[in-house]
Protein backbone atom coordinates (compact mmCIF):
# COMPACT_ATOMS: atom_id res chain seq x y z
CA UNK A 1 -18.14 -2.31 -23.43
CA UNK A 2 -20.47 -5.36 -23.31
CA UNK A 3 -20.44 -7.07 -19.95
CA UNK A 4 -21.93 -10.35 -18.84
CA UNK A 5 -24.54 -8.40 -16.91
CA UNK A 6 -25.67 -6.52 -20.04
CA UNK A 7 -25.90 -9.73 -22.00
CA UNK A 8 -27.98 -11.46 -19.33
CA UNK A 9 -30.29 -8.42 -19.00
CA UNK A 10 -30.73 -8.40 -22.80
CA UNK A 11 -31.54 -12.15 -22.86
CA UNK A 12 -34.01 -11.95 -20.01
CA UNK A 13 -35.73 -8.95 -21.62
CA UNK A 14 -36.04 -10.83 -24.92
CA UNK A 15 -37.37 -13.97 -23.20
CA UNK A 16 -40.02 -12.04 -21.37
CA UNK A 17 -41.21 -10.43 -24.60
CA UNK A 18 -41.33 -13.72 -26.33
CA UNK A 19 -43.28 -15.21 -23.45
CA UNK A 20 -45.79 -12.44 -23.58
CA UNK A 21 -46.17 -12.88 -27.31
CA UNK A 22 -46.74 -16.75 -26.93
CA UNK A 23 -49.26 -16.09 -24.20
CA UNK A 24 -51.18 -13.64 -26.37
CA UNK A 25 -51.14 -16.07 -29.28
CA UNK A 26 -52.38 -18.92 -27.03
CA UNK A 27 -55.24 -16.70 -25.73
CA UNK A 28 -56.22 -15.47 -29.26
CA UNK A 29 -56.34 -18.94 -30.80
CA UNK A 30 -57.58 -21.04 -27.84
CA UNK A 31 -60.84 -21.79 -29.76
CA UNK A 32 -59.10 -23.17 -32.86
CA UNK A 33 -58.35 -26.86 -32.68
CA UNK A 34 -57.76 -27.80 -36.35
CA UNK A 35 -56.60 -26.06 -39.48
CA UNK A 36 -60.14 -25.98 -40.81
CA UNK A 37 -61.09 -23.74 -37.85
CA UNK A 38 -58.73 -21.05 -39.11
CA UNK A 39 -59.73 -21.16 -42.78
CA UNK A 40 -61.07 -17.89 -44.15
CA UNK A 41 -64.17 -19.67 -45.28
CA UNK A 42 -65.19 -20.34 -41.71
CA UNK A 43 -64.85 -16.64 -40.69
CA UNK A 44 -68.60 -15.90 -41.04
CA UNK A 45 -69.54 -19.03 -39.06
CA UNK A 46 -66.99 -18.05 -36.30
CA UNK A 47 -68.34 -14.46 -36.18
CA UNK A 48 -71.95 -15.67 -36.05
CA UNK A 49 -71.11 -18.14 -33.29
CA UNK A 50 -69.35 -15.52 -31.07
CA UNK A 51 -71.61 -12.54 -31.91
CA UNK A 52 -74.91 -14.40 -31.78
CA UNK A 53 -75.72 -13.64 -35.36
CA UNK A 54 -77.05 -15.90 -38.12
CA UNK A 55 -75.84 -15.55 -41.76
């Protein structure tokens, strides 16, 4: 039997998971400001910048 309490618990749980996912995405991609920042061709430049290497 589904009760109002069960439904609310499920909704709150799903919202918390979604909030954590968005927080993770925000942290991961905080350095990207434009689409060109995420292009695969910039991967070497990004790695060089953050690892201190030069390609």
